[in-house]
Amino acid sequence: MRDNSLTDVDWDALPQPEDDGAGKRVEGFAVPSLPLPATDDTNIDLSAPGRTVVFVYPMTGTPGTELPDGWDGIPGARGCTPQACAFRDLHAELEQAGAGRVFGLSTQTVEDQKEAAERLHLPYPLLSDHGLLFADAMGLPRFSIGEATFLKRMTLVIEESFVKKVFYPVFPPDRAATDVLEWLRANA
């Protein structure tokens, strides 16, 4: 499947990710103080006090740019733009439900992420873990295509510097924000 649209995805045509236990390994983990560069030109420390939602995604596509070969065949790879848009659309509700901060996180460079943040009108910053320092410290699951390493899709709810809840695997990606919102409301 090669769809030119980054938001109109037939989820039934894509392979679903399987639960390999990575979410269970991350839940309860102490979040290290490792400031990450953000698309709003700040550095964000995810270990800061409060309740933070971080959706981890492989990469946002760019209109007119082909996805890596075999991308649609990798379970859970496709859907970063719909996921980012879902968090955008529910951002105010997520904050009202107790999310003090919301971020997206990938291994893309801040420069690559800025294009997506601007094009998609995201009300929250995207964070770059291009050097995989945060991913290594947290043991985040990943996959590779050629020389490039990507993070597997998951969502973390961080409370007072600890991972309180992990959503993993995430499928379909455009439902992730709704799942988090329901959990936040039930765990206010």
N, C-alpha and C. Protein backbone atom coordinates (compact mmCIF):
# COMPACT_ATOMS: atom_id res chain seq x y z
N MET A 1 0.83 -1.18 0.00
CA MET A 1 0.00 0.00 0.00
C MET A 1 0.88 1.24 0.00
N ARG A 2 0.71 2.12 -0.95
CA ARG A 2 1.43 3.39 -1.01
C ARG A 2 0.39 4.48 -1.19
N ASP A 3 -0.02 5.10 -0.09
CA ASP A 3 -1.03 6.14 -0.11
C ASP A 3 -0.33 7.48 -0.06
N ASN A 4 -0.66 8.38 -0.96
CA ASN A 4 -0.04 9.70 -0.97
C ASN A 4 -0.47 10.53 0.23
N SER A 5 -1.60 10.21 0.83
CA SER A 5 -2.09 10.95 1.99
C SER A 5 -1.42 10.41 3.25
N LEU A 6 -1.00 11.32 4.10
CA LEU A 6 -0.38 10.90 5.36
C LEU A 6 -1.41 10.73 6.47
N THR A 7 -2.64 11.17 6.24
CA THR A 7 -3.64 11.08 7.29
C THR A 7 -4.77 10.11 6.97
N ASP A 8 -4.98 9.78 5.71
CA ASP A 8 -6.06 8.88 5.31
C ASP A 8 -5.47 7.48 5.14
N VAL A 9 -5.53 6.69 6.21
CA VAL A 9 -4.87 5.38 6.22
C VAL A 9 -5.91 4.29 6.44
N ASP A 10 -5.81 3.22 5.67
CA ASP A 10 -6.67 2.05 5.85
C ASP A 10 -5.97 1.12 6.85
N TRP A 11 -6.36 1.21 8.13
CA TRP A 11 -5.69 0.44 9.18
C TRP A 11 -5.84 -1.06 8.96
N ASP A 12 -6.93 -1.48 8.33
CA ASP A 12 -7.15 -2.91 8.09
C ASP A 12 -6.15 -3.49 7.09
N ALA A 13 -5.53 -2.63 6.29
CA ALA A 13 -4.58 -3.10 5.29
C ALA A 13 -3.15 -3.19 5.83
N LEU A 14 -2.95 -2.78 7.08
CA LEU A 14 -1.60 -2.75 7.66
C LEU A 14 -1.43 -3.84 8.72
N PRO A 15 -0.22 -4.37 8.86
CA PRO A 15 0.01 -5.37 9.90
C PRO A 15 -0.02 -4.72 11.29
N GLN A 16 -0.67 -5.39 12.23
CA GLN A 16 -0.76 -4.87 13.59
C GLN A 16 0.47 -5.28 14.41
N PRO A 17 0.94 -4.38 15.26
CA PRO A 17 2.07 -4.75 16.12
C PRO A 17 1.61 -5.73 17.20
N GLU A 18 2.53 -6.55 17.65
CA GLU A 18 2.24 -7.50 18.73
C GLU A 18 2.90 -7.01 20.01
N ASP A 19 2.33 -7.41 21.12
CA ASP A 19 2.88 -7.02 22.41
C ASP A 19 4.09 -7.90 22.73
N ASP A 20 5.27 -7.30 22.71
CA ASP A 20 6.50 -8.03 23.00
C ASP A 20 6.97 -7.82 24.44
N GLY A 21 6.11 -7.21 25.26
CA GLY A 21 6.44 -7.01 26.66
C GLY A 21 7.20 -5.74 26.97
N ALA A 22 7.55 -4.95 25.96
CA ALA A 22 8.35 -3.74 26.19
C ALA A 22 7.63 -2.73 27.08
N GLY A 23 6.31 -2.65 26.96
CA GLY A 23 5.55 -1.72 27.79
C GLY A 23 5.65 -2.06 29.27
N LYS A 24 5.58 -3.33 29.58
CA LYS A 24 5.67 -3.77 30.98
C LYS A 24 7.05 -3.45 31.57
N ARG A 25 8.08 -3.52 30.73
CA ARG A 25 9.44 -3.23 31.20
C ARG A 25 9.63 -1.75 31.53
N VAL A 26 8.90 -0.88 30.84
CA VAL A 26 9.07 0.56 31.01
C VAL A 26 8.19 1.10 32.14
N GLU A 27 7.02 0.49 32.36
CA GLU A 27 6.10 0.98 33.38
C GLU A 27 6.76 0.93 34.76
N GLY A 28 6.63 2.01 35.51
CA GLY A 28 7.23 2.12 36.83
C GLY A 28 8.65 2.64 36.83
N PHE A 29 9.23 2.79 35.66
CA PHE A 29 10.62 3.22 35.51
C PHE A 29 10.79 4.67 35.95
N ALA A 30 11.90 4.97 36.63
CA ALA A 30 12.25 6.35 36.98
C ALA A 30 12.76 7.05 35.72
N VAL A 31 12.20 8.19 35.41
CA VAL A 31 12.58 8.93 34.20
C VAL A 31 13.84 9.74 34.50
N PRO A 32 14.90 9.54 33.74
CA PRO A 32 16.14 10.27 33.99
C PRO A 32 16.03 11.73 33.55
N SER A 33 16.83 12.57 34.16
CA SER A 33 16.89 13.98 33.77
C SER A 33 17.83 14.11 32.58
N LEU A 34 17.23 14.05 31.39
CA LEU A 34 17.98 14.17 30.14
C LEU A 34 17.25 15.17 29.24
N PRO A 35 17.55 16.46 29.35
CA PRO A 35 16.84 17.44 28.53
C PRO A 35 16.94 17.12 27.03
N LEU A 36 15.79 17.18 26.37
CA LEU A 36 15.70 16.87 24.94
C LEU A 36 15.36 18.13 24.15
N PRO A 37 16.00 18.32 22.99
CA PRO A 37 15.67 19.49 22.17
C PRO A 37 14.25 19.38 21.62
N ALA A 38 13.54 20.52 21.63
CA ALA A 38 12.14 20.56 21.22
C ALA A 38 11.95 21.51 20.04
N THR A 39 10.82 21.32 19.37
CA THR A 39 10.51 22.13 18.19
C THR A 39 10.18 23.58 18.54
N ASP A 40 10.00 23.89 19.82
CA ASP A 40 9.77 25.28 20.22
C ASP A 40 11.07 25.95 20.67
N ASP A 41 12.21 25.36 20.29
CA ASP A 41 13.55 25.87 20.58
C ASP A 41 13.89 25.89 22.07
N THR A 42 13.27 24.99 22.84
CA THR A 42 13.62 24.82 24.24
C THR A 42 14.22 23.43 24.41
N ASN A 43 14.66 23.14 25.61
CA ASN A 43 15.09 21.80 25.99
C ASN A 43 14.13 21.33 27.08
N ILE A 44 13.56 20.15 26.91
CA ILE A 44 12.54 19.65 27.80
C ILE A 44 13.07 18.49 28.63
N ASP A 45 12.88 18.57 29.94
CA ASP A 45 13.26 17.51 30.86
C ASP A 45 11.98 16.76 31.24
N LEU A 46 11.85 15.54 30.77
CA LEU A 46 10.64 14.76 31.03
C LEU A 46 10.54 14.27 32.47
N SER A 47 11.59 14.45 33.26
CA SER A 47 11.55 14.06 34.67
C SER A 47 11.01 15.18 35.55
N ALA A 48 10.62 16.30 34.97
CA ALA A 48 10.12 17.43 35.74
C ALA A 48 8.84 17.04 36.48
N PRO A 49 8.54 17.71 37.59
CA PRO A 49 7.33 17.40 38.37
C PRO A 49 6.05 17.58 37.55
N GLY A 50 5.01 16.89 38.00
CA GLY A 50 3.71 17.01 37.35
C GLY A 50 3.37 15.76 36.56
N ARG A 51 2.30 15.86 35.77
CA ARG A 51 1.82 14.75 34.93
C ARG A 51 2.08 15.12 33.48
N THR A 52 2.83 14.26 32.81
CA THR A 52 3.22 14.49 31.42
C THR A 52 2.81 13.30 30.57
N VAL A 53 2.29 13.59 29.38
CA VAL A 53 1.97 12.56 28.39
C VAL A 53 2.97 12.69 27.26
N VAL A 54 3.62 11.57 26.93
CA VAL A 54 4.58 11.54 25.83
C VAL A 54 4.19 10.41 24.89
N PHE A 55 3.84 10.77 23.66
CA PHE A 55 3.59 9.71 22.68
C PHE A 55 4.85 9.56 21.85
N VAL A 56 5.34 8.33 21.86
CA VAL A 56 6.57 7.97 21.16
C VAL A 56 6.16 7.40 19.80
N TYR A 57 6.80 7.88 18.75
CA TYR A 57 6.42 7.47 17.39
C TYR A 57 7.67 7.29 16.53
N PRO A 58 7.59 6.49 15.46
CA PRO A 58 8.76 6.26 14.62
C PRO A 58 9.24 7.51 13.87
N MET A 59 8.35 8.13 13.09
CA MET A 59 8.71 9.36 12.36
C MET A 59 7.48 9.91 11.67
N THR A 60 7.42 11.21 11.55
CA THR A 60 6.35 11.81 10.77
C THR A 60 6.80 11.89 9.32
N GLY A 61 5.90 11.56 8.43
CA GLY A 61 6.19 11.67 7.01
C GLY A 61 6.11 13.11 6.54
N THR A 62 6.69 13.36 5.39
CA THR A 62 6.66 14.68 4.78
C THR A 62 5.98 14.55 3.43
N PRO A 63 4.97 15.39 3.16
CA PRO A 63 4.30 15.30 1.86
C PRO A 63 5.31 15.39 0.72
N GLY A 64 5.13 14.50 -0.25
CA GLY A 64 6.01 14.50 -1.41
C GLY A 64 7.30 13.70 -1.22
N THR A 65 7.54 13.19 -0.01
CA THR A 65 8.74 12.41 0.27
C THR A 65 8.32 10.97 0.52
N GLU A 66 8.94 10.05 -0.19
CA GLU A 66 8.62 8.63 -0.02
C GLU A 66 9.02 8.15 1.38
N LEU A 67 8.20 7.28 1.93
CA LEU A 67 8.54 6.62 3.18
C LEU A 67 9.64 5.60 2.90
N PRO A 68 10.40 5.19 3.91
CA PRO A 68 11.44 4.18 3.69
C PRO A 68 10.86 2.91 3.06
N ASP A 69 11.68 2.25 2.25
CA ASP A 69 11.24 0.99 1.62
C ASP A 69 10.76 0.01 2.68
N GLY A 70 9.60 -0.57 2.44
CA GLY A 70 9.06 -1.57 3.34
C GLY A 70 8.33 -1.01 4.55
N TRP A 71 8.18 0.31 4.64
CA TRP A 71 7.59 0.97 5.81
C TRP A 71 6.21 0.41 6.16
N ASP A 72 5.35 0.28 5.16
CA ASP A 72 3.98 -0.17 5.42
C ASP A 72 3.92 -1.63 5.85
N GLY A 73 4.98 -2.40 5.63
CA GLY A 73 5.01 -3.80 6.03
C GLY A 73 5.51 -4.01 7.45
N ILE A 74 5.98 -2.95 8.10
CA ILE A 74 6.47 -3.05 9.48
C ILE A 74 5.30 -2.83 10.43
N PRO A 75 4.97 -3.81 11.25
CA PRO A 75 3.83 -3.66 12.15
C PRO A 75 3.96 -2.41 13.03
N GLY A 76 2.96 -1.53 12.93
CA GLY A 76 2.93 -0.34 13.77
C GLY A 76 3.72 0.85 13.27
N ALA A 77 4.41 0.74 12.14
CA ALA A 77 5.23 1.86 11.68
C ALA A 77 4.38 3.00 11.12
N ARG A 78 3.40 2.67 10.33
CA ARG A 78 2.60 3.69 9.65
C ARG A 78 1.61 4.35 10.61
N GLY A 79 1.42 5.66 10.49
CA GLY A 79 0.37 6.33 11.24
C GLY A 79 0.81 7.45 12.16
N CYS A 80 2.03 7.94 12.01
CA CYS A 80 2.53 8.98 12.92
C CYS A 80 1.78 10.30 12.75
N THR A 81 1.48 10.67 11.52
CA THR A 81 0.76 11.93 11.30
C THR A 81 -0.66 11.85 11.86
N PRO A 82 -1.43 10.78 11.60
CA PRO A 82 -2.75 10.70 12.24
C PRO A 82 -2.67 10.71 13.77
N GLN A 83 -1.64 10.09 14.32
CA GLN A 83 -1.48 10.07 15.77
C GLN A 83 -1.20 11.48 16.29
N ALA A 84 -0.30 12.19 15.66
CA ALA A 84 0.02 13.56 16.08
C ALA A 84 -1.21 14.46 15.97
N CYS A 85 -2.00 14.28 14.91
CA CYS A 85 -3.21 15.08 14.73
C CYS A 85 -4.26 14.75 15.78
N ALA A 86 -4.36 13.50 16.19
CA ALA A 86 -5.31 13.12 17.23
C ALA A 86 -4.94 13.77 18.55
N PHE A 87 -3.66 13.80 18.89
CA PHE A 87 -3.23 14.49 20.11
C PHE A 87 -3.45 15.99 19.99
N ARG A 88 -3.28 16.54 18.79
CA ARG A 88 -3.57 17.95 18.55
C ARG A 88 -5.05 18.23 18.81
N ASP A 89 -5.91 17.41 18.22
CA ASP A 89 -7.35 17.65 18.30
C ASP A 89 -7.90 17.50 19.71
N LEU A 90 -7.26 16.66 20.53
CA LEU A 90 -7.72 16.45 21.91
C LEU A 90 -6.84 17.14 22.95
N HIS A 91 -5.93 18.00 22.50
CA HIS A 91 -4.97 18.63 23.40
C HIS A 91 -5.64 19.34 24.58
N ALA A 92 -6.62 20.18 24.32
CA ALA A 92 -7.29 20.92 25.40
C ALA A 92 -7.97 19.97 26.38
N GLU A 93 -8.59 18.92 25.85
CA GLU A 93 -9.26 17.95 26.72
C GLU A 93 -8.25 17.16 27.55
N LEU A 94 -7.10 16.84 26.96
CA LEU A 94 -6.05 16.14 27.72
C LEU A 94 -5.57 17.01 28.87
N GLU A 95 -5.40 18.30 28.62
CA GLU A 95 -4.99 19.21 29.69
C GLU A 95 -6.06 19.30 30.77
N GLN A 96 -7.33 19.40 30.36
CA GLN A 96 -8.43 19.47 31.33
C GLN A 96 -8.51 18.20 32.17
N ALA A 97 -8.09 17.08 31.60
CA ALA A 97 -8.13 15.79 32.31
C ALA A 97 -6.90 15.57 33.18
N GLY A 98 -5.99 16.54 33.20
CA GLY A 98 -4.85 16.44 34.11
C GLY A 98 -3.48 16.31 33.49
N ALA A 99 -3.38 16.30 32.17
CA ALA A 99 -2.06 16.27 31.55
C ALA A 99 -1.47 17.68 31.58
N GLY A 100 -0.49 17.88 32.43
CA GLY A 100 0.14 19.19 32.53
C GLY A 100 0.95 19.54 31.29
N ARG A 101 1.50 18.50 30.67
CA ARG A 101 2.30 18.70 29.46
C ARG A 101 2.05 17.53 28.52
N VAL A 102 2.09 17.80 27.21
CA VAL A 102 1.95 16.78 26.17
C VAL A 102 3.09 16.99 25.18
N PHE A 103 3.74 15.88 24.80
CA PHE A 103 4.83 15.93 23.84
C PHE A 103 4.77 14.72 22.92
N GLY A 104 5.32 14.88 21.72
CA GLY A 104 5.62 13.77 20.84
C GLY A 104 7.13 13.56 20.87
N LEU A 105 7.60 12.33 20.71
CA LEU A 105 9.03 12.01 20.79
C LEU A 105 9.40 11.03 19.69
N SER A 106 10.43 11.36 18.93
CA SER A 106 10.96 10.44 17.92
C SER A 106 12.47 10.63 17.81
N THR A 107 13.08 9.82 16.95
CA THR A 107 14.52 9.94 16.72
C THR A 107 14.83 10.93 15.59
N GLN A 108 13.81 11.54 15.01
CA GLN A 108 14.05 12.53 13.96
C GLN A 108 14.77 13.75 14.54
N THR A 109 15.46 14.47 13.70
CA THR A 109 16.10 15.71 14.14
C THR A 109 15.04 16.76 14.40
N VAL A 110 15.38 17.74 15.22
CA VAL A 110 14.45 18.84 15.49
C VAL A 110 14.08 19.55 14.19
N GLU A 111 15.03 19.69 13.29
CA GLU A 111 14.76 20.35 12.00
C GLU A 111 13.68 19.61 11.22
N ASP A 112 13.76 18.28 11.18
CA ASP A 112 12.74 17.49 10.49
C ASP A 112 11.40 17.60 11.20
N GLN A 113 11.43 17.61 12.53
CA GLN A 113 10.20 17.68 13.30
C GLN A 113 9.52 19.04 13.19
N LYS A 114 10.31 20.11 13.07
CA LYS A 114 9.72 21.45 12.97
C LYS A 114 8.79 21.57 11.78
N GLU A 115 9.15 20.94 10.67
CA GLU A 115 8.29 20.99 9.49
C GLU A 115 6.93 20.39 9.81
N ALA A 116 6.92 19.25 10.47
CA ALA A 116 5.66 18.60 10.81
C ALA A 116 4.87 19.42 11.83
N ALA A 117 5.54 19.93 12.85
CA ALA A 117 4.86 20.72 13.89
C ALA A 117 4.18 21.94 13.29
N GLU A 118 4.84 22.60 12.35
CA GLU A 118 4.26 23.78 11.71
C GLU A 118 3.14 23.39 10.75
N ARG A 119 3.37 22.40 9.92
CA ARG A 119 2.38 21.99 8.91
C ARG A 119 1.11 21.48 9.57
N LEU A 120 1.25 20.75 10.67
CA LEU A 120 0.11 20.15 11.35
C LEU A 120 -0.50 21.05 12.43
N HIS A 121 0.11 22.23 12.65
CA HIS A 121 -0.38 23.19 13.64
C HIS A 121 -0.50 22.54 15.02
N LEU A 122 0.58 21.92 15.46
CA LEU A 122 0.57 21.21 16.74
C LEU A 122 0.68 22.20 17.89
N PRO A 123 -0.18 22.08 18.91
CA PRO A 123 -0.13 22.99 20.06
C PRO A 123 0.86 22.54 21.13
N TYR A 124 1.61 21.51 20.85
CA TYR A 124 2.60 20.97 21.79
C TYR A 124 3.90 20.75 21.01
N PRO A 125 5.03 20.75 21.70
CA PRO A 125 6.31 20.52 21.02
C PRO A 125 6.55 19.04 20.72
N LEU A 126 7.31 18.80 19.68
CA LEU A 126 7.87 17.48 19.40
C LEU A 126 9.29 17.48 19.93
N LEU A 127 9.71 16.35 20.48
CA LEU A 127 11.04 16.22 21.08
C LEU A 127 11.89 15.30 20.24
N SER A 128 13.17 15.63 20.14
CA SER A 128 14.11 14.82 19.37
C SER A 128 15.03 14.02 20.29
N ASP A 129 15.05 12.72 20.06
CA ASP A 129 16.02 11.85 20.72
C ASP A 129 16.89 11.24 19.63
N HIS A 130 17.43 12.13 18.79
CA HIS A 130 18.20 11.72 17.62
C HIS A 130 19.40 10.85 18.02
N GLY A 131 20.01 11.14 19.16
CA GLY A 131 21.15 10.36 19.62
C GLY A 131 20.79 9.13 20.43
N LEU A 132 19.49 8.88 20.63
CA LEU A 132 18.97 7.72 21.37
C LEU A 132 19.38 7.69 22.85
N LEU A 133 19.78 8.82 23.40
CA LEU A 133 20.18 8.84 24.81
C LEU A 133 19.00 8.53 25.73
N PHE A 134 17.87 9.16 25.48
CA PHE A 134 16.68 8.91 26.30
C PHE A 134 16.18 7.49 26.07
N ALA A 135 16.11 7.07 24.81
CA ALA A 135 15.65 5.71 24.48
C ALA A 135 16.52 4.66 25.16
N ASP A 136 17.83 4.87 25.15
CA ASP A 136 18.73 3.91 25.80
C ASP A 136 18.53 3.90 27.31
N ALA A 137 18.39 5.08 27.91
CA ALA A 137 18.24 5.17 29.36
C ALA A 137 16.92 4.53 29.82
N MET A 138 15.89 4.62 28.98
CA MET A 138 14.56 4.10 29.34
C MET A 138 14.32 2.69 28.82
N GLY A 139 15.18 2.21 27.95
CA GLY A 139 14.98 0.89 27.35
C GLY A 139 13.80 0.86 26.39
N LEU A 140 13.59 1.96 25.66
CA LEU A 140 12.47 2.03 24.72
C LEU A 140 12.71 1.09 23.54
N PRO A 141 11.66 0.39 23.11
CA PRO A 141 11.80 -0.54 21.99
C PRO A 141 11.99 0.20 20.67
N ARG A 142 12.69 -0.44 19.76
CA ARG A 142 13.00 0.20 18.48
C ARG A 142 13.10 -0.82 17.37
N PHE A 143 13.22 -0.30 16.15
CA PHE A 143 13.47 -1.13 14.97
C PHE A 143 14.34 -0.33 14.02
N SER A 144 14.98 -1.03 13.10
CA SER A 144 15.89 -0.38 12.16
C SER A 144 15.51 -0.70 10.73
N ILE A 145 15.77 0.26 9.87
CA ILE A 145 15.69 0.06 8.42
C ILE A 145 17.00 0.61 7.88
N GLY A 146 17.80 -0.28 7.33
CA GLY A 146 19.12 0.14 6.87
C GLY A 146 19.92 0.70 8.03
N GLU A 147 20.43 1.92 7.86
CA GLU A 147 21.24 2.57 8.89
C GLU A 147 20.39 3.36 9.90
N ALA A 148 19.11 3.53 9.61
CA ALA A 148 18.25 4.36 10.46
C ALA A 148 17.57 3.54 11.56
N THR A 149 17.53 4.12 12.76
CA THR A 149 16.87 3.49 13.90
C THR A 149 15.63 4.31 14.25
N PHE A 150 14.53 3.62 14.48
CA PHE A 150 13.26 4.26 14.80
C PHE A 150 12.73 3.67 16.10
N LEU A 151 11.99 4.48 16.86
CA LEU A 151 11.36 4.01 18.08
C LEU A 151 10.01 3.38 17.75
N LYS A 152 9.69 2.31 18.45
CA LYS A 152 8.36 1.72 18.30
C LYS A 152 7.35 2.64 18.99
N ARG A 153 6.15 2.61 18.49
CA ARG A 153 5.09 3.48 18.99
C ARG A 153 4.62 3.03 20.37
N MET A 154 4.62 3.97 21.32
CA MET A 154 4.06 3.74 22.65
C MET A 154 3.71 5.10 23.24
N THR A 155 2.88 5.09 24.25
CA THR A 155 2.55 6.34 24.95
C THR A 155 2.84 6.15 26.42
N LEU A 156 3.52 7.14 26.99
CA LEU A 156 3.89 7.12 28.40
C LEU A 156 3.13 8.21 29.15
N VAL A 157 2.61 7.87 30.30
CA VAL A 157 2.09 8.87 31.22
C VAL A 157 3.09 8.91 32.37
N ILE A 158 3.75 10.05 32.51
CA ILE A 158 4.78 10.23 33.52
C ILE A 158 4.21 11.08 34.65
N GLU A 159 4.34 10.59 35.88
CA GLU A 159 3.89 11.34 37.05
C GLU A 159 5.04 11.43 38.04
N GLU A 160 5.37 12.66 38.39
CA GLU A 160 6.42 12.91 39.39
C GLU A 160 7.67 12.09 39.11
N SER A 161 8.11 12.12 37.86
CA SER A 161 9.37 11.51 37.42
C SER A 161 9.35 9.98 37.29
N PHE A 162 8.17 9.36 37.36
CA PHE A 162 8.06 7.92 37.17
C PHE A 162 7.02 7.63 36.09
N VAL A 163 7.26 6.57 35.32
CA VAL A 163 6.30 6.16 34.30
C VAL A 163 5.15 5.47 35.02
N LYS A 164 4.02 6.14 35.04
CA LYS A 164 2.83 5.65 35.75
C LYS A 164 2.04 4.66 34.89
N LYS A 165 1.95 4.94 33.58
CA LYS A 165 1.14 4.12 32.67
C LYS A 165 1.81 4.08 31.30
N VAL A 166 1.77 2.90 30.69
CA VAL A 166 2.30 2.73 29.33
C VAL A 166 1.20 2.14 28.46
N PHE A 167 0.99 2.74 27.32
CA PHE A 167 0.09 2.20 26.31
C PHE A 167 0.97 1.58 25.23
N TYR A 168 0.89 0.26 25.09
CA TYR A 168 1.77 -0.45 24.15
C TYR A 168 1.23 -1.85 23.93
N PRO A 169 1.18 -2.33 22.73
CA PRO A 169 1.40 -1.59 21.50
C PRO A 169 0.23 -0.64 21.22
N VAL A 170 0.48 0.34 20.38
CA VAL A 170 -0.52 1.34 20.03
C VAL A 170 -0.99 1.05 18.60
N PHE A 171 -2.27 0.70 18.48
CA PHE A 171 -2.83 0.47 17.15
C PHE A 171 -4.34 0.48 17.24
N PRO A 172 -5.01 1.18 16.36
CA PRO A 172 -4.46 2.10 15.38
C PRO A 172 -3.97 3.38 16.04
N PRO A 173 -2.96 4.00 15.46
CA PRO A 173 -2.35 5.18 16.06
C PRO A 173 -3.28 6.36 16.27
N ASP A 174 -4.28 6.51 15.41
CA ASP A 174 -5.17 7.66 15.55
C ASP A 174 -6.12 7.53 16.74
N ARG A 175 -6.12 6.40 17.40
CA ARG A 175 -6.95 6.16 18.59
C ARG A 175 -6.17 6.42 19.88
N ALA A 176 -4.86 6.58 19.80
CA ALA A 176 -4.01 6.70 20.98
C ALA A 176 -4.42 7.84 21.90
N ALA A 177 -4.72 9.00 21.36
CA ALA A 177 -5.08 10.15 22.19
C ALA A 177 -6.38 9.90 22.95
N THR A 178 -7.33 9.27 22.30
CA THR A 178 -8.61 8.94 22.95
C THR A 178 -8.39 7.96 24.10
N ASP A 179 -7.55 6.95 23.88
CA ASP A 179 -7.24 5.98 24.94
C ASP A 179 -6.61 6.67 26.14
N VAL A 180 -5.68 7.57 25.88
CA VAL A 180 -5.01 8.30 26.97
C VAL A 180 -6.01 9.19 27.70
N LEU A 181 -6.84 9.89 26.94
CA LEU A 181 -7.84 10.77 27.55
C LEU A 181 -8.76 9.97 28.48
N GLU A 182 -9.23 8.82 28.03
CA GLU A 182 -10.10 7.99 28.87
C GLU A 182 -9.38 7.56 30.13
N TRP A 183 -8.10 7.19 30.02
CA TRP A 183 -7.34 6.77 31.19
C TRP A 183 -7.14 7.94 32.16
N LEU A 184 -6.80 9.12 31.62
CA LEU A 184 -6.60 10.30 32.48
C LEU A 184 -7.87 10.62 33.26
N ARG A 185 -9.00 10.56 32.59
CA ARG A 185 -10.28 10.86 33.26
C ARG A 185 -10.59 9.83 34.34
N ALA A 186 -10.24 8.58 34.11
CA ALA A 186 -10.50 7.53 35.10
C ALA A 186 -9.48 7.55 36.24
N ASN A 187 -8.35 8.22 36.03
CA ASN A 187 -7.27 8.23 37.02
C ASN A 187 -6.88 9.66 37.38
N ALA A 188 -7.88 10.50 37.58
CA ALA A 188 -7.62 11.91 37.89
C ALA A 188 -6.92 12.06 39.23
